[in-house]
Amino acid sequence: MDQPTNQAPTKANQSTQVALDQNQTPAPVDFVSMVAHELKTPLTSLRGYLSVFIEENAKSMTPEQNMFLSRMDIASTQLSTLVENLLNTSRIERGVITLNPEVVEWVPFVKTIFVEFENRAKERKIELEFIEPTTGFTKLMVDKLRITEVISNLITNAITYNKEGGKIILSIEVKDNEVVTHVQDTGIGIAKEAQGKLFEKYYRVQNSAAGRANGTGLGLYVSKVFVQMHKGKIWVNSESDKGSTFSFSLPVARDVPSVQK
């Protein structure tokens, strides 16, 4: 009978095993990015088909059926935001985030984003109000994709942490050489000791109404990075049980006629 042999692993075998282990255990950032990418493609298809179905069939559906479709649309949007925040965090940590700025008319640009949240706000009986600046036109040089994510993150938080039957006011004001955009809610507010940590990665505010912390703690972190990349600032004013106002400033576009889109 053959006897088992206990041979010490050779150097070549050890090297091969190390290479296998390294390939099988990706770094956390790469793993998150990989998973988020895998989720994004089917989710994009799901949202696209759902949008077409709603557009073509909403008029023939009962109110209850439309309510279910609306909730599906909201849920898919929330999941899409989560995936995008994961991807953006991965890009930031790997240093591969870039901006593609172009001139935009700020007021209609922001208003278009704001009205997209009407159905989601309606689900919680939250009123939306948009206040335009009273002076001057506002053209800004921004990366539309990145700044859309900033505004969407702020509005999403305003809905999530608001009270049912509450209100969200989005206002814009021109100050010297910058435009300030405010997202104000009538929600649960944020304790002073938590405000200094809000824009840190993975920090989540405790939702006293739900008895737990909501979200991933990435939306505000990503928003801060994107605003700073545009040479702007972002901050919050809040009081517990009285609501919060998140604001960010961006510089007004200079020499607009010479800018190539």
C-alpha atoms as a PDB file:
ATOM      1  CA  MET A   1       0.000   0.000   0.000  1.00  0.00           C
ATOM      2  CA  ASP A   2       1.271   3.491  -0.834  1.00  0.00           C
ATOM      3  CA  GLN A   3       2.065   5.555   2.208  1.00  0.00           C
ATOM      4  CA  PRO A   4       1.012   9.235   2.280  1.00  0.00           C
ATOM      5  CA  THR A   5       3.930  11.583   1.995  1.00  0.00           C
ATOM      6  CA  ASN A   6       4.217  14.869   3.854  1.00  0.00           C
ATOM      7  CA  GLN A   7       6.092  17.060   1.426  1.00  0.00           C
ATOM      8  CA  ALA A   8       6.900  20.630   2.333  1.00  0.00           C
ATOM      9  CA  PRO A   9       5.419  23.103  -0.150  1.00  0.00           C
ATOM     10  CA  THR A  10       7.940  24.359  -2.663  1.00  0.00           C
ATOM     11  CA  LYS A  11       8.628  28.041  -3.222  1.00  0.00           C
ATOM     12  CA  ALA A  12       6.781  27.876  -6.527  1.00  0.00           C
ATOM     13  CA  ASN A  13       3.710  26.345  -4.842  1.00  0.00           C
ATOM     14  CA  GLN A  14       3.775  29.000  -2.126  1.00  0.00           C
ATOM     15  CA  SER A  15       3.942  31.787  -4.723  1.00  0.00           C
ATOM     16  CA  THR A  16       1.049  30.279  -6.646  1.00  0.00           C
ATOM     17  CA  GLN A  17      -1.057  30.012  -3.469  1.00  0.00           C
ATOM     18  CA  VAL A  18      -0.321  33.628  -2.512  1.00  0.00           C
ATOM     19  CA  ALA A  19      -1.376  34.772  -5.987  1.00  0.00           C
ATOM     20  CA  LEU A  20      -4.598  32.775  -5.726  1.00  0.00           C
ATOM     21  CA  ASP A  21      -5.374  34.200  -2.295  1.00  0.00           C
ATOM     22  CA  GLN A  22      -4.790  37.744  -3.542  1.00  0.00           C
ATOM     23  CA  ASN A  23      -7.075  37.203  -6.536  1.00  0.00           C
ATOM     24  CA  GLN A  24      -9.792  35.612  -4.420  1.00  0.00           C
ATOM     25  CA  THR A  25      -9.764  38.327  -1.749  1.00  0.00           C
ATOM     26  CA  PRO A  26     -10.277  41.706  -3.420  1.00  0.00           C
ATOM     27  CA  ALA A  27      -9.694  44.912  -1.482  1.00  0.00           C
ATOM     28  CA  PRO A  28     -12.868  46.230   0.206  1.00  0.00           C
ATOM     29  CA  VAL A  29     -13.084  49.293  -2.061  1.00  0.00           C
ATOM     30  CA  ASP A  30     -12.717  47.182  -5.228  1.00  0.00           C
ATOM     31  CA  PHE A  31     -15.294  44.700  -3.950  1.00  0.00           C
ATOM     32  CA  VAL A  32     -17.850  47.436  -3.242  1.00  0.00           C
ATOM     33  CA  SER A  33     -17.240  48.943  -6.660  1.00  0.00           C
ATOM     34  CA  MET A  34     -17.618  45.554  -8.349  1.00  0.00           C
ATOM     35  CA  VAL A  35     -20.895  44.774  -6.570  1.00  0.00           C
ATOM     36  CA  ALA A  36     -22.295  48.249  -7.254  1.00  0.00           C
ATOM     37  CA  HIS A  37     -21.456  47.945 -10.956  1.00  0.00           C
ATOM     38  CA  GLU A  38     -23.150  44.550 -11.113  1.00  0.00           C
ATOM     39  CA  LEU A  39     -26.278  46.035  -9.513  1.00  0.00           C
ATOM     40  CA  LYS A  40     -26.377  49.146 -11.673  1.00  0.00           C
ATOM     41  CA  THR A  41     -26.947  47.485 -15.050  1.00  0.00           C
ATOM     42  CA  PRO A  42     -30.063  45.433 -14.199  1.00  0.00           C
ATOM     43  CA  LEU A  43     -31.397  48.257 -12.032  1.00  0.00           C
ATOM     44  CA  THR A  44     -31.119  50.708 -14.935  1.00  0.00           C
ATOM     45  CA  SER A  45     -33.087  48.298 -17.135  1.00  0.00           C
ATOM     46  CA  LEU A  46     -35.708  47.812 -14.413  1.00  0.00           C
ATOM     47  CA  ARG A  47     -36.220  51.556 -13.986  1.00  0.00           C
ATOM     48  CA  GLY A  48     -36.398  52.086 -17.736  1.00  0.00           C
ATOM     49  CA  TYR A  49     -39.050  49.428 -18.324  1.00  0.00           C
ATOM     50  CA  LEU A  50     -41.015  50.582 -15.279  1.00  0.00           C
ATOM     51  CA  SER A  51     -40.985  54.177 -16.499  1.00  0.00           C
ATOM     52  CA  VAL A  52     -42.267  53.170 -19.940  1.00  0.00           C
ATOM     53  CA  PHE A  53     -44.973  50.965 -18.413  1.00  0.00           C
ATOM     54  CA  ILE A  54     -46.208  53.774 -16.146  1.00  0.00           C
ATOM     55  CA  GLU A  55     -46.225  56.284 -18.989  1.00  0.00           C
ATOM     56  CA  GLU A  56     -48.198  54.005 -21.310  1.00  0.00           C
ATOM     57  CA  ASN A  57     -50.639  52.503 -18.809  1.00  0.00           C
ATOM     58  CA  ALA A  58     -51.202  55.003 -15.984  1.00  0.00           C
ATOM     59  CA  LYS A  59     -54.443  56.363 -17.442  1.00  0.00           C
ATOM     60  CA  SER A  60     -56.026  52.923 -17.695  1.00  0.00           C
ATOM     61  CA  MET A  61     -55.036  51.826 -14.181  1.00  0.00           C
ATOM     62  CA  THR A  62     -57.086  52.146 -11.005  1.00  0.00           C
ATOM     63  CA  PRO A  63     -55.929  54.596  -8.303  1.00  0.00           C
ATOM     64  CA  GLU A  64     -54.743  51.684  -6.188  1.00  0.00           C
ATOM     65  CA  GLN A  65     -52.744  50.200  -9.061  1.00  0.00           C
ATOM     66  CA  ASN A  66     -51.160  53.584  -9.760  1.00  0.00           C
ATOM     67  CA  MET A  67     -50.262  53.867  -6.093  1.00  0.00           C
ATOM     68  CA  PHE A  68     -48.441  50.529  -6.237  1.00  0.00           C
ATOM     69  CA  LEU A  69     -46.618  51.572  -9.407  1.00  0.00           C
ATOM     70  CA  SER A  70     -45.615  54.847  -7.792  1.00  0.00           C
ATOM     71  CA  ARG A  71     -44.197  53.023  -4.791  1.00  0.00           C
ATOM     72  CA  MET A  72     -42.250  50.687  -7.064  1.00  0.00           C
ATOM     73  CA  ASP A  73     -40.846  53.686  -8.908  1.00  0.00           C
ATOM     74  CA  ILE A  74     -39.855  55.368  -5.640  1.00  0.00           C
ATOM     75  CA  ALA A  75     -38.218  52.198  -4.316  1.00  0.00           C
ATOM     76  CA  SER A  76     -36.214  51.694  -7.512  1.00  0.00           C
ATOM     77  CA  THR A  77     -35.079  55.330  -7.359  1.00  0.00           C
ATOM     78  CA  GLN A  78     -33.943  54.891  -3.760  1.00  0.00           C
ATOM     79  CA  LEU A  79     -31.987  51.773  -4.698  1.00  0.00           C
ATOM     80  CA  SER A  80     -30.447  53.577  -7.665  1.00  0.00           C
ATOM     81  CA  THR A  81     -29.315  56.411  -5.378  1.00  0.00           C
ATOM     82  CA  LEU A  82     -27.761  53.919  -2.975  1.00  0.00           C
ATOM     83  CA  VAL A  83     -25.835  52.186  -5.781  1.00  0.00           C
ATOM     84  CA  GLU A  84     -24.638  55.518  -7.190  1.00  0.00           C
ATOM     85  CA  ASN A  85     -23.411  56.668  -3.772  1.00  0.00           C
ATOM     86  CA  LEU A  86     -21.485  53.404  -3.359  1.00  0.00           C
ATOM     87  CA  LEU A  87     -19.910  53.839  -6.778  1.00  0.00           C
ATOM     88  CA  ASN A  88     -19.034  57.468  -6.108  1.00  0.00           C
ATOM     89  CA  THR A  89     -17.448  56.611  -2.763  1.00  0.00           C
ATOM     90  CA  SER A  90     -15.330  53.980  -4.482  1.00  0.00           C
ATOM     91  CA  ARG A  91     -14.296  56.462  -7.213  1.00  0.00           C
ATOM     92  CA  ILE A  92     -13.411  59.102  -4.629  1.00  0.00           C
ATOM     93  CA  GLU A  93     -11.259  56.701  -2.617  1.00  0.00           C
ATOM     94  CA  ARG A  94      -9.485  55.546  -5.772  1.00  0.00           C
ATOM     95  CA  GLY A  95      -8.979  59.154  -6.920  1.00  0.00           C
ATOM     96  CA  VAL A  96     -10.686  58.680 -10.275  1.00  0.00           C
ATOM     97  CA  ILE A  97     -13.515  61.227  -9.976  1.00  0.00           C
ATOM     98  CA  THR A  98     -13.406  63.837 -12.735  1.00  0.00           C
ATOM     99  CA  LEU A  99     -15.628  66.791 -13.608  1.00  0.00           C
ATOM    100  CA  ASN A 100     -17.108  67.653 -16.999  1.00  0.00           C
ATOM    101  CA  PRO A 101     -18.306  71.232 -16.411  1.00  0.00           C
ATOM    102  CA  GLU A 102     -20.660  73.134 -18.652  1.00  0.00           C
ATOM    103  CA  VAL A 103     -22.660  76.325 -18.330  1.00  0.00           C
ATOM    104  CA  VAL A 104     -26.173  75.842 -16.964  1.00  0.00           C
ATOM    105  CA  GLU A 105     -29.067  78.158 -16.226  1.00  0.00           C
ATOM    106  CA  TRP A 106     -29.209  77.397 -12.526  1.00  0.00           C
ATOM    107  CA  VAL A 107     -32.853  78.120 -11.687  1.00  0.00           C
ATOM    108  CA  PRO A 108     -34.539  75.904 -14.325  1.00  0.00           C
ATOM    109  CA  PHE A 109     -31.864  73.238 -13.795  1.00  0.00           C
ATOM    110  CA  VAL A 110     -32.572  72.983 -10.062  1.00  0.00           C
ATOM    111  CA  LYS A 111     -36.328  73.249 -10.512  1.00  0.00           C
ATOM    112  CA  THR A 112     -36.354  70.302 -12.924  1.00  0.00           C
ATOM    113  CA  ILE A 113     -34.623  68.124 -10.331  1.00  0.00           C
ATOM    114  CA  PHE A 114     -36.915  69.320  -7.545  1.00  0.00           C
ATOM    115  CA  VAL A 115     -40.191  68.465  -9.299  1.00  0.00           C
ATOM    116  CA  GLU A 116     -38.985  64.906  -9.913  1.00  0.00           C
ATOM    117  CA  PHE A 117     -39.500  64.295  -6.193  1.00  0.00           C
ATOM    118  CA  GLU A 118     -43.217  65.217  -6.228  1.00  0.00           C
ATOM    119  CA  ASN A 119     -44.477  61.624  -6.155  1.00  0.00           C
ATOM    120  CA  ARG A 120     -42.095  60.634  -3.411  1.00  0.00           C
ATOM    121  CA  ALA A 121     -43.092  63.648  -1.301  1.00  0.00           C
ATOM    122  CA  LYS A 122     -46.779  63.000  -1.970  1.00  0.00           C
ATOM    123  CA  GLU A 123     -46.427  59.495  -0.508  1.00  0.00           C
ATOM    124  CA  ARG A 124     -45.682  61.120   2.858  1.00  0.00           C
ATOM    125  CA  LYS A 125     -48.046  64.071   2.366  1.00  0.00           C
ATOM    126  CA  ILE A 126     -45.096  66.463   2.239  1.00  0.00           C
ATOM    127  CA  GLU A 127     -45.577  69.797   0.455  1.00  0.00           C
ATOM    128  CA  LEU A 128     -42.861  71.039  -1.904  1.00  0.00           C
ATOM    129  CA  GLU A 129     -42.249  74.748  -2.477  1.00  0.00           C
ATOM    130  CA  PHE A 130     -39.727  76.315  -4.862  1.00  0.00           C
ATOM    131  CA  ILE A 131     -38.568  79.911  -4.325  1.00  0.00           C
ATOM    132  CA  GLU A 132     -36.666  81.592  -7.150  1.00  0.00           C
ATOM    133  CA  PRO A 133     -34.063  84.336  -6.598  1.00  0.00           C
ATOM    134  CA  THR A 134     -35.436  87.863  -6.783  1.00  0.00           C
ATOM    135  CA  THR A 135     -32.405  89.467  -8.410  1.00  0.00           C
ATOM    136  CA  GLY A 136     -30.213  88.682 -11.386  1.00  0.00           C
ATOM    137  CA  PHE A 137     -29.907  85.713 -13.701  1.00  0.00           C
ATOM    138  CA  THR A 138     -27.788  82.821 -12.563  1.00  0.00           C
ATOM    139  CA  LYS A 139     -25.457  80.898 -14.836  1.00  0.00           C
ATOM    140  CA  LEU A 140     -23.078  78.446 -13.234  1.00  0.00           C
ATOM    141  CA  MET A 141     -20.287  76.265 -14.572  1.00  0.00           C
ATOM    142  CA  VAL A 142     -20.984  72.794 -13.166  1.00  0.00           C
ATOM    143  CA  ASP A 143     -20.810  69.110 -13.889  1.00  0.00           C
ATOM    144  CA  LYS A 144     -24.547  68.477 -14.280  1.00  0.00           C
ATOM    145  CA  LEU A 145     -24.337  64.815 -13.285  1.00  0.00           C
ATOM    146  CA  ARG A 146     -22.381  65.421 -10.069  1.00  0.00           C
ATOM    147  CA  ILE A 147     -24.412  68.436  -8.952  1.00  0.00           C
ATOM    148  CA  THR A 148     -27.667  66.628  -9.725  1.00  0.00           C
ATOM    149  CA  GLU A 149     -26.521  63.976  -7.258  1.00  0.00           C
ATOM    150  CA  VAL A 150     -25.813  66.658  -4.637  1.00  0.00           C
ATOM    151  CA  ILE A 151     -29.267  68.219  -4.968  1.00  0.00           C
ATOM    152  CA  SER A 152     -30.969  64.818  -5.077  1.00  0.00           C
ATOM    153  CA  ASN A 153     -29.167  63.668  -1.929  1.00  0.00           C
ATOM    154  CA  LEU A 154     -30.278  66.791  -0.042  1.00  0.00           C
ATOM    155  CA  ILE A 155     -33.902  66.487  -1.151  1.00  0.00           C
ATOM    156  CA  THR A 156     -33.925  62.766  -0.365  1.00  0.00           C
ATOM    157  CA  ASN A 157     -32.726  63.477   3.174  1.00  0.00           C
ATOM    158  CA  ALA A 158     -35.307  66.245   3.567  1.00  0.00           C
ATOM    159  CA  ILE A 159     -38.058  63.742   2.718  1.00  0.00           C
ATOM    160  CA  THR A 160     -36.605  60.882   4.769  1.00  0.00           C
ATOM    161  CA  TYR A 161     -36.186  62.895   7.967  1.00  0.00           C
ATOM    162  CA  ASN A 162     -39.300  65.018   7.585  1.00  0.00           C
ATOM    163  CA  LYS A 163     -42.574  64.595   9.415  1.00  0.00           C
ATOM    164  CA  GLU A 164     -45.631  63.303   7.601  1.00  0.00           C
ATOM    165  CA  GLY A 165     -47.582  66.317   6.420  1.00  0.00           C
ATOM    166  CA  GLY A 166     -44.456  68.467   6.583  1.00  0.00           C
ATOM    167  CA  LYS A 167     -42.935  70.828   4.055  1.00  0.00           C
ATOM    168  CA  ILE A 168     -39.749  71.226   2.015  1.00  0.00           C
ATOM    169  CA  ILE A 169     -38.690  74.606   0.662  1.00  0.00           C
ATOM    170  CA  LEU A 170     -35.964  74.870  -1.956  1.00  0.00           C
ATOM    171  CA  SER A 171     -34.739  78.429  -2.378  1.00  0.00           C
ATOM    172  CA  ILE A 172     -31.961  80.107  -4.337  1.00  0.00           C
ATOM    173  CA  GLU A 173     -30.212  83.385  -3.614  1.00  0.00           C
ATOM    174  CA  VAL A 174     -27.411  85.295  -5.301  1.00  0.00           C
ATOM    175  CA  LYS A 175     -24.677  86.598  -2.993  1.00  0.00           C
ATOM    176  CA  ASP A 176     -21.830  88.609  -4.532  1.00  0.00           C
ATOM    177  CA  ASN A 177     -20.000  86.154  -6.800  1.00  0.00           C
ATOM    178  CA  GLU A 178     -21.746  83.001  -5.696  1.00  0.00           C
ATOM    179  CA  VAL A 179     -25.150  81.336  -5.772  1.00  0.00           C
ATOM    180  CA  VAL A 180     -26.462  79.714  -2.598  1.00  0.00           C
ATOM    181  CA  THR A 181     -29.052  76.945  -2.764  1.00  0.00           C
ATOM    182  CA  HIS A 182     -31.010  76.017   0.374  1.00  0.00           C
ATOM    183  CA  VAL A 183     -33.051  72.879   1.068  1.00  0.00           C
ATOM    184  CA  GLN A 184     -35.175  73.479   4.162  1.00  0.00           C
ATOM    185  CA  ASP A 185     -37.400  70.915   5.838  1.00  0.00           C
ATOM    186  CA  THR A 186     -39.792  70.832   8.793  1.00  0.00           C
ATOM    187  CA  GLY A 187     -38.510  67.511  10.050  1.00  0.00           C
ATOM    188  CA  ILE A 188     -36.997  66.065  13.189  1.00  0.00           C
ATOM    189  CA  GLY A 189     -33.901  68.261  13.124  1.00  0.00           C
ATOM    190  CA  ILE A 190     -30.359  67.321  14.077  1.00  0.00           C
ATOM    191  CA  ALA A 191     -28.762  67.551  17.511  1.00  0.00           C
ATOM    192  CA  LYS A 192     -25.872  70.027  17.761  1.00  0.00           C
ATOM    193  CA  GLU A 193     -23.388  67.358  18.764  1.00  0.00           C
ATOM    194  CA  ALA A 194     -24.145  65.433  15.541  1.00  0.00           C
ATOM    195  CA  GLN A 195     -23.937  68.347  13.110  1.00  0.00           C
ATOM    196  CA  GLY A 196     -20.147  68.415  12.999  1.00  0.00           C
ATOM    197  CA  LYS A 197     -20.055  64.762  11.875  1.00  0.00           C
ATOM    198  CA  LEU A 198     -22.785  64.880   9.229  1.00  0.00           C
ATOM    199  CA  PHE A 199     -20.466  65.099   6.245  1.00  0.00           C
ATOM    200  CA  GLU A 200     -18.154  62.319   7.418  1.00  0.00           C
ATOM    201  CA  LYS A 201     -18.175  59.051   5.534  1.00  0.00           C
ATOM    202  CA  TYR A 202     -20.575  56.421   6.953  1.00  0.00           C
ATOM    203  CA  TYR A 203     -21.934  58.749   9.655  1.00  0.00           C
ATOM    204  CA  ARG A 204     -25.681  58.257  10.116  1.00  0.00           C
ATOM    205  CA  VAL A 205     -28.080  60.363  12.148  1.00  0.00           C
ATOM    206  CA  GLN A 206     -30.332  58.523  14.564  1.00  0.00           C
ATOM    207  CA  ASN A 207     -33.938  58.826  13.423  1.00  0.00           C
ATOM    208  CA  SER A 208     -35.831  59.174  16.690  1.00  0.00           C
ATOM    209  CA  ALA A 209     -39.157  58.546  14.973  1.00  0.00           C
ATOM    210  CA  ALA A 210     -38.005  55.229  13.550  1.00  0.00           C
ATOM    211  CA  GLY A 211     -35.803  54.350  16.508  1.00  0.00           C
ATOM    212  CA  ARG A 212     -32.832  53.665  14.251  1.00  0.00           C
ATOM    213  CA  ALA A 213     -30.344  55.299  11.895  1.00  0.00           C
ATOM    214  CA  ASN A 214     -31.398  55.497   8.235  1.00  0.00           C
ATOM    215  CA  GLY A 215     -29.311  55.246   5.089  1.00  0.00           C
ATOM    216  CA  THR A 216     -25.667  54.373   4.495  1.00  0.00           C
ATOM    217  CA  GLY A 217     -24.039  57.598   5.649  1.00  0.00           C
ATOM    218  CA  LEU A 218     -22.602  58.217   2.177  1.00  0.00           C
ATOM    219  CA  GLY A 219     -24.926  60.779   0.572  1.00  0.00           C
ATOM    220  CA  LEU A 220     -23.692  63.842   2.456  1.00  0.00           C
ATOM    221  CA  TYR A 221     -20.074  62.722   2.273  1.00  0.00           C
ATOM    222  CA  VAL A 222     -20.301  62.391  -1.518  1.00  0.00           C
ATOM    223  CA  SER A 223     -22.164  65.705  -1.744  1.00  0.00           C
ATOM    224  CA  LYS A 224     -19.437  67.495   0.215  1.00  0.00           C
ATOM    225  CA  VAL A 225     -16.706  66.141  -2.056  1.00  0.00           C
ATOM    226  CA  PHE A 226     -18.577  67.136  -5.231  1.00  0.00           C
ATOM    227  CA  VAL A 227     -19.317  70.654  -3.960  1.00  0.00           C
ATOM    228  CA  GLN A 228     -15.708  71.167  -2.905  1.00  0.00           C
ATOM    229  CA  MET A 229     -14.519  69.980  -6.322  1.00  0.00           C
ATOM    230  CA  HIS A 230     -16.593  72.864  -7.739  1.00  0.00           C
ATOM    231  CA  LYS A 231     -14.813  75.320  -5.379  1.00  0.00           C
ATOM    232  CA  GLY A 232     -17.963  75.629  -3.287  1.00  0.00           C
ATOM    233  CA  LYS A 233     -19.017  75.061   0.309  1.00  0.00           C
ATOM    234  CA  ILE A 234     -21.754  73.035   1.983  1.00  0.00           C
ATOM    235  CA  TRP A 235     -23.157  73.380   5.497  1.00  0.00           C
ATOM    236  CA  VAL A 236     -26.191  72.815   7.708  1.00  0.00           C
ATOM    237  CA  ASN A 237     -28.283  74.797  10.176  1.00  0.00           C
ATOM    238  CA  SER A 238     -30.573  72.711  12.318  1.00  0.00           C
ATOM    239  CA  GLU A 239     -32.415  72.477  15.592  1.00  0.00           C
ATOM    240  CA  SER A 240     -33.892  69.353  17.134  1.00  0.00           C
ATOM    241  CA  ASP A 241     -37.625  68.960  16.460  1.00  0.00           C
ATOM    242  CA  LYS A 242     -37.673  72.147  14.344  1.00  0.00           C
ATOM    243  CA  GLY A 243     -36.185  71.008  11.058  1.00  0.00           C
ATOM    244  CA  SER A 244     -32.972  71.500   9.109  1.00  0.00           C
ATOM    245  CA  THR A 245     -31.657  73.661   6.294  1.00  0.00           C
ATOM    246  CA  PHE A 246     -28.853  72.278   4.151  1.00  0.00           C
ATOM    247  CA  SER A 247     -27.137  74.864   1.988  1.00  0.00           C
ATOM    248  CA  PHE A 248     -24.364  74.873  -0.565  1.00  0.00           C
ATOM    249  CA  SER A 249     -22.689  77.667  -2.489  1.00  0.00           C
ATOM    250  CA  LEU A 250     -21.154  77.610  -5.966  1.00  0.00           C
ATOM    251  CA  PRO A 251     -19.250  80.349  -7.785  1.00  0.00           C
ATOM    252  CA  VAL A 252     -21.050  82.216 -10.578  1.00  0.00           C
ATOM    253  CA  ALA A 253     -19.736  81.342 -14.044  1.00  0.00           C
ATOM    254  CA  ARG A 254     -17.292  83.889 -15.477  1.00  0.00           C
ATOM    255  CA  ASP A 255     -16.853  84.844 -19.138  1.00  0.00           C
ATOM    256  CA  VAL A 256     -19.838  82.730 -20.069  1.00  0.00           C
ATOM    257  CA  PRO A 257     -19.869  83.622 -23.805  1.00  0.00           C
ATOM    258  CA  SER A 258     -16.365  82.184 -24.275  1.00  0.00           C
ATOM    259  CA  VAL A 259     -17.137  78.878 -22.616  1.00  0.00           C
ATOM    260  CA  GLN A 260     -17.444  75.887 -24.925  1.00  0.00           C
ATOM    261  CA  LYS A 261     -20.118  73.389 -23.943  1.00  0.00           C
END
